[in-house]
Amino acid sequence: MSLLGRAVDLYGYVFHPSTVIGFGVLVLIHYEWAGQSADRSVLWKRWGAFVGAGVLGFVPTAAFFALQRGTLSKAFSGSSWQLDMMVASGVVLGAAITWGVWRRYDWGRLVPGGMAALIAVVPPYAVLSPFWDISGHVIFALAPTLYLALLDRKFLPLLAIPVVMVPTRVLVNAHSALESVAGFVVAAAIVVAVYLWRSPGSEREATTATAP
């Protein structure tokens, strides 16, 4: 395999949905915290809360592997809509817990908005997966990065991740071109709709509040 081929093959693993979502939300938490002029301990507490919610979000997928009684490579081989369902439910679980924690302690509105966007992209993915293999990699690479870019133009370079993801999923024969492009279009439409619904002006103003 050529060097380019290896790079394309590794791209989906390096920028796996769990990696991109985790990185994107950590950046979002930092962005909201920085706008509130809170001390560093507050940032660590919020990052810790998200990491804890993220670990709980892996429970459905871990249960799937346990019930499969097989190796990771076996579980990930081919296209498994059952695994897609576990991943989707894990995203919803982790995002819902994070949303609840932020609302409970009044830590700001930006992170709950990001969680709402993540949760909103799950239904089409979950509904279509058993019948049509729309790209989850593209959907979950775009959702957190586009939300950040909508909040602040300095995050626009992060959109390179989902843009490159579209052709790489085709090149590794994981999806057709239509399935990859559809994932991008569907996720973009939903995230933009959630962002507009959440009132962008008030969202940005929320970063000026200081929460414990």
Protein backbone atom coordinates (compact mmCIF):
# COMPACT_ATOMS: atom_id res chain seq x y z
CA MET A 1 0.00 0.00 0.00
CA SER A 2 1.31 3.48 -0.86
CA LEU A 3 1.95 6.15 1.76
CA LEU A 4 -1.13 8.04 0.57
CA GLY A 5 -3.19 4.89 0.80
CA ARG A 6 -2.06 4.30 4.37
CA ALA A 7 -2.87 7.90 5.28
CA VAL A 8 -6.36 7.61 3.82
CA ASP A 9 -6.92 4.32 5.62
CA LEU A 10 -5.79 5.77 8.96
CA TYR A 11 -7.82 8.96 8.63
CA GLY A 12 -11.07 7.35 9.73
CA TYR A 13 -9.38 5.90 12.80
CA VAL A 14 -7.52 9.06 13.83
CA PHE A 15 -10.65 11.16 13.36
CA HIS A 16 -13.05 8.55 14.67
CA PRO A 17 -16.43 10.02 15.78
CA SER A 18 -15.55 9.55 19.46
CA THR A 19 -12.26 11.42 18.95
CA VAL A 20 -13.77 14.34 17.03
CA ILE A 21 -16.74 14.68 19.37
CA GLY A 22 -14.51 14.52 22.43
CA PHE A 23 -12.04 17.05 21.07
CA GLY A 24 -14.80 19.34 19.79
CA VAL A 25 -16.66 19.44 23.08
CA LEU A 26 -13.48 20.01 25.10
CA VAL A 27 -12.70 22.99 22.84
CA LEU A 28 -16.28 24.23 23.22
CA ILE A 29 -16.06 23.99 27.01
CA HIS A 30 -12.80 25.96 26.97
CA TYR A 31 -14.31 28.59 24.67
CA GLU A 32 -17.30 29.10 26.94
CA TRP A 33 -15.12 29.14 30.06
CA ALA A 34 -12.71 31.68 28.55
CA GLY A 35 -15.59 34.05 27.87
CA GLN A 36 -16.71 33.91 31.49
CA SER A 37 -13.40 34.98 33.09
CA ALA A 38 -13.65 32.11 35.58
CA ASP A 39 -10.60 30.61 37.29
CA ARG A 40 -8.74 27.56 35.97
CA SER A 41 -10.26 25.17 38.54
CA VAL A 42 -13.68 25.77 36.98
CA LEU A 43 -12.38 24.62 33.59
CA TRP A 44 -10.95 21.41 35.03
CA LYS A 45 -14.23 20.70 36.82
CA ARG A 46 -16.21 21.14 33.63
CA TRP A 47 -13.82 19.06 31.55
CA GLY A 48 -14.04 16.35 34.21
CA ALA A 49 -17.84 16.42 34.12
CA PHE A 50 -17.82 15.96 30.34
CA VAL A 51 -15.25 13.16 30.45
CA GLY A 52 -17.40 11.37 33.04
CA ALA A 53 -20.48 11.74 30.82
CA GLY A 54 -18.46 10.53 27.84
CA VAL A 55 -17.38 7.39 29.67
CA LEU A 56 -21.03 6.62 30.44
CA GLY A 57 -21.77 7.18 26.76
CA PHE A 58 -19.53 4.21 25.90
CA VAL A 59 -21.65 1.84 28.01
CA PRO A 60 -24.05 0.81 25.18
CA THR A 61 -21.14 0.04 22.83
CA ALA A 62 -19.27 -1.86 25.56
CA ALA A 63 -22.42 -3.90 26.22
CA PHE A 64 -22.65 -4.68 22.51
CA PHE A 65 -19.08 -5.99 22.45
CA ALA A 66 -19.71 -8.07 25.58
CA LEU A 67 -22.82 -9.65 24.08
CA GLN A 68 -21.03 -10.30 20.79
CA ARG A 69 -18.34 -12.24 22.64
CA GLY A 70 -15.92 -11.40 19.85
CA THR A 71 -12.92 -9.25 19.10
CA LEU A 72 -13.03 -5.57 18.27
CA SER A 73 -11.97 -6.31 14.70
CA LYS A 74 -14.84 -8.77 14.32
CA ALA A 75 -17.35 -6.31 15.71
CA PHE A 76 -16.13 -3.52 13.45
CA SER A 77 -15.83 -5.65 10.31
CA GLY A 78 -18.27 -4.82 7.54
CA SER A 79 -21.33 -2.71 8.17
CA SER A 80 -23.23 -3.42 11.38
CA TRP A 81 -26.39 -1.41 11.93
CA GLN A 82 -26.62 -2.92 15.42
CA LEU A 83 -23.28 -1.36 16.30
CA ASP A 84 -24.45 1.88 14.70
CA MET A 85 -27.43 1.87 17.07
CA MET A 86 -25.18 1.41 20.08
CA VAL A 87 -22.93 4.25 18.97
CA ALA A 88 -25.93 6.49 18.35
CA SER A 89 -27.47 5.72 21.73
CA GLY A 90 -24.11 6.36 23.40
CA VAL A 91 -23.84 9.79 21.76
CA VAL A 92 -27.33 10.67 22.97
CA LEU A 93 -26.60 9.38 26.48
CA GLY A 94 -23.32 11.26 26.87
CA ALA A 95 -24.70 14.46 25.34
CA ALA A 96 -27.88 14.32 27.44
CA ILE A 97 -25.92 13.87 30.67
CA THR A 98 -23.61 16.75 29.74
CA TRP A 99 -26.59 18.94 28.87
CA GLY A 100 -28.22 18.11 32.20
CA VAL A 101 -25.11 18.88 34.23
CA TRP A 102 -24.64 22.25 32.51
CA ARG A 103 -28.26 23.23 33.08
CA ARG A 104 -28.20 21.97 36.67
CA TYR A 105 -25.21 24.12 37.64
CA ASP A 106 -25.99 26.99 35.26
CA TRP A 107 -22.54 26.82 33.64
CA GLY A 108 -23.63 28.59 30.46
CA ARG A 109 -25.66 28.07 27.29
CA LEU A 110 -23.03 27.27 24.69
CA VAL A 111 -22.30 23.70 25.76
CA PRO A 112 -26.01 22.77 26.08
CA GLY A 113 -26.47 24.19 22.57
CA GLY A 114 -23.67 21.98 21.30
CA MET A 115 -25.21 18.96 23.02
CA ALA A 116 -28.58 19.76 21.45
CA ALA A 117 -26.91 19.80 18.02
CA LEU A 118 -25.23 16.44 18.68
CA ILE A 119 -28.46 14.84 19.84
CA ALA A 120 -30.36 16.29 16.87
CA VAL A 121 -28.12 14.64 14.25
CA VAL A 122 -28.63 11.19 15.77
CA PRO A 123 -32.25 10.42 14.66
CA PRO A 124 -31.60 10.45 10.89
CA TYR A 125 -28.45 8.42 11.41
CA ALA A 126 -30.26 5.89 13.61
CA VAL A 127 -33.30 5.65 11.37
CA LEU A 128 -31.38 5.28 8.10
CA SER A 129 -28.58 2.97 9.25
CA PRO A 130 -30.58 -0.30 9.16
CA PHE A 131 -31.65 0.41 5.55
CA TRP A 132 -29.07 2.76 4.05
CA ASP A 133 -25.47 3.16 5.22
CA ILE A 134 -25.29 6.95 5.60
CA SER A 135 -21.85 7.93 6.89
CA GLY A 136 -21.75 8.29 10.66
CA HIS A 137 -18.09 9.30 10.47
CA VAL A 138 -19.03 12.31 8.36
CA ILE A 139 -22.05 13.22 10.47
CA PHE A 140 -20.21 13.15 13.77
CA ALA A 141 -17.11 14.84 12.35
CA LEU A 142 -19.22 17.75 11.11
CA ALA A 143 -21.63 18.28 14.01
CA PRO A 144 -19.17 19.53 16.68
CA THR A 145 -16.82 21.31 14.28
CA LEU A 146 -19.58 23.17 12.43
CA TYR A 147 -21.19 24.25 15.70
CA LEU A 148 -17.86 25.72 16.81
CA ALA A 149 -17.37 27.45 13.45
CA LEU A 150 -20.83 28.99 13.70
CA LEU A 151 -20.00 30.34 17.14
CA ASP A 152 -16.70 31.87 16.11
CA ARG A 153 -14.97 32.13 12.72
CA LYS A 154 -11.61 31.30 14.27
CA PHE A 155 -12.79 27.68 14.37
CA LEU A 156 -13.42 27.53 10.60
CA PRO A 157 -10.17 25.55 9.98
CA LEU A 158 -11.67 22.67 11.98
CA LEU A 159 -14.13 22.13 9.14
CA ALA A 160 -11.25 20.59 7.20
CA ILE A 161 -11.81 17.44 9.28
CA PRO A 162 -15.32 16.63 7.97
CA VAL A 163 -14.56 17.98 4.48
CA VAL A 164 -11.63 15.55 4.08
CA MET A 165 -13.68 12.80 5.74
CA VAL A 166 -16.18 12.79 2.86
CA PRO A 167 -13.80 11.49 0.15
CA THR A 168 -11.74 9.31 2.50
CA ARG A 169 -14.80 7.26 3.48
CA VAL A 170 -15.36 6.61 -0.21
CA LEU A 171 -11.71 5.80 -0.91
CA VAL A 172 -11.61 3.14 1.83
CA ASN A 173 -14.83 1.60 0.44
CA ALA A 174 -16.70 2.25 3.70
CA HIS A 175 -19.43 4.26 1.95
CA SER A 176 -20.57 5.35 -1.47
CA ALA A 177 -20.09 8.95 -2.53
CA LEU A 178 -23.81 9.56 -2.04
CA GLU A 179 -23.75 8.13 1.49
CA SER A 180 -20.81 10.35 2.47
CA VAL A 181 -22.20 13.52 0.89
CA ALA A 182 -25.63 12.83 2.38
CA GLY A 183 -24.07 12.59 5.84
CA PHE A 184 -22.47 16.00 5.34
CA VAL A 185 -25.61 17.67 4.00
CA VAL A 186 -27.94 16.20 6.63
CA ALA A 187 -25.65 17.08 9.54
CA ALA A 188 -25.01 20.60 8.20
CA ALA A 189 -28.72 21.35 7.82
CA ILE A 190 -29.53 20.09 11.31
CA VAL A 191 -26.65 21.84 13.10
CA VAL A 192 -27.39 25.17 11.40
CA ALA A 193 -31.07 24.82 12.28
CA VAL A 194 -30.28 24.09 15.93
CA TYR A 195 -27.81 26.98 16.06
CA LEU A 196 -30.39 29.43 14.68
CA TRP A 197 -33.10 28.05 16.93
CA ARG A 198 -30.88 28.54 19.98
CA SER A 199 -30.64 32.30 19.21
CA PRO A 200 -27.01 32.99 18.25
CA GLY A 201 -26.93 36.48 19.76
CA SER A 202 -27.98 35.34 23.20
CA GLU A 203 -25.65 32.34 22.95
CA ARG A 204 -22.62 34.58 22.44
CA GLU A 205 -23.76 36.92 25.20
CA ALA A 206 -23.98 33.93 27.56
CA THR A 207 -20.20 33.58 27.50
CA THR A 208 -19.90 36.85 29.45
CA ALA A 209 -21.63 35.38 32.51
CA THR A 210 -19.53 33.87 35.28
CA ALA A 211 -20.69 30.52 36.63
CA PRO A 212 -19.24 28.61 39.62
